[in-house]
Protein backbone atom coordinates (compact mmCIF):
# COMPACT_ATOMS: atom_id res chain seq x y z
CA MET A 1 81.84 96.22 120.61
CA PRO A 2 84.30 96.69 116.97
CA VAL A 3 87.96 96.75 118.06
CA VAL A 4 90.24 98.14 115.33
CA VAL A 5 93.64 97.77 115.68
CA TRP A 6 94.84 101.14 113.83
CA LYS A 7 98.06 100.20 111.33
CA ALA A 8 100.58 102.66 110.49
CA ASP A 9 100.07 101.45 106.80
CA LEU A 10 96.44 104.63 106.67
CA LYS A 11 97.55 107.79 107.96
CA PHE A 12 96.37 111.26 107.89
CA TYR A 13 98.84 113.79 107.49
CA ASP A 14 99.17 117.07 105.80
CA GLY A 15 94.63 117.64 105.65
CA GLY A 16 94.09 114.17 104.37
CA TRP A 17 94.36 110.20 103.96
CA LYS A 18 98.12 108.98 103.11
CA TYR A 19 99.21 105.48 102.33
CA ASP A 20 102.39 103.62 103.51
CA LEU A 21 102.93 102.75 100.00
CA LEU A 22 106.25 100.37 100.97
CA ASP A 23 104.49 97.85 101.62
CA TYR A 24 102.61 97.40 98.17
CA THR A 25 104.58 98.89 94.94
CA GLU A 26 104.15 96.60 93.82
CA ASN A 27 100.10 95.64 93.56
CA HIS A 28 98.84 99.70 93.69
CA SER A 29 95.55 97.85 93.84
CA LYS A 30 95.30 96.88 97.48
CA LEU A 31 95.57 100.46 98.23
CA GLY A 32 91.23 100.03 97.92
CA TYR A 33 91.66 96.71 99.48
CA ILE A 34 92.75 98.90 102.45
CA HIS A 35 90.47 102.07 102.27
CA ASN A 36 87.45 99.28 102.62
CA ALA A 37 88.88 97.33 105.00
CA TYR A 38 88.60 99.86 107.45
CA ARG A 39 85.32 100.90 106.17
CA VAL A 40 83.48 98.41 106.94
CA LEU A 41 86.12 97.84 110.00
CA LEU A 42 84.03 101.68 110.82
CA THR A 43 80.69 101.18 110.33
CA ARG A 44 80.94 97.38 112.49
CA GLY A 45 79.86 98.88 115.56
CA ARG A 46 76.24 99.63 115.74
CA ASP A 47 76.20 101.61 118.66
CA TRP A 48 80.33 101.80 119.84
CA VAL A 49 84.05 101.23 118.23
CA ILE A 50 86.95 100.67 119.73
CA LEU A 51 90.53 102.74 118.38
CA TYR A 52 93.58 101.69 119.67
CA PHE A 53 96.64 103.53 117.66
CA PRO A 54 99.68 101.37 119.08
CA ASP A 55 102.37 104.15 120.56
CA ILE A 56 103.39 105.22 117.84
CA TRP A 57 104.81 108.83 115.92
CA GLU A 58 103.49 108.13 112.85
CA LEU A 59 100.07 108.18 114.14
CA ASN A 60 100.05 110.51 115.77
CA SER A 61 98.14 113.11 113.61
CA THR A 62 95.66 110.17 112.26
CA TYR A 63 95.35 109.97 116.60
CA GLU A 64 94.21 113.55 116.94
CA TYR A 65 92.50 114.05 113.55
CA PHE A 66 89.80 111.18 115.21
CA ARG A 67 89.79 112.74 118.60
CA ASN A 68 88.69 116.29 117.18
CA ALA A 69 86.11 114.11 115.43
CA GLY A 70 84.45 113.68 118.45
CA PHE A 71 86.55 110.36 119.32
CA ILE A 72 86.29 110.27 123.57
CA GLU A 73 89.85 108.84 124.68
CA LEU A 74 88.86 105.49 127.39
CA SER A 75 91.02 107.09 130.07
CA GLY A 76 93.14 104.97 132.61
CA LEU A 77 94.17 102.08 130.23
CA LYS A 78 97.75 103.25 129.89
CA ASN A 79 100.98 101.32 131.59
């Protein structure tokens, strides 16, 4: 079962996907690689995929997007 650790380089907010351009201002071709990397990682699990979101406020709306899409929160894993 694959585990995907979500970074703040791709976020869902204001009704769409946004890239964090701070790290990629000089090479915009990397944006396509970011999008494709997440697409590939999310489709690797035959039955399941685990998404891990670090506890940072920038990812709150992305986390909620996946919860609303039907992803189930694993309970009992918080510190």
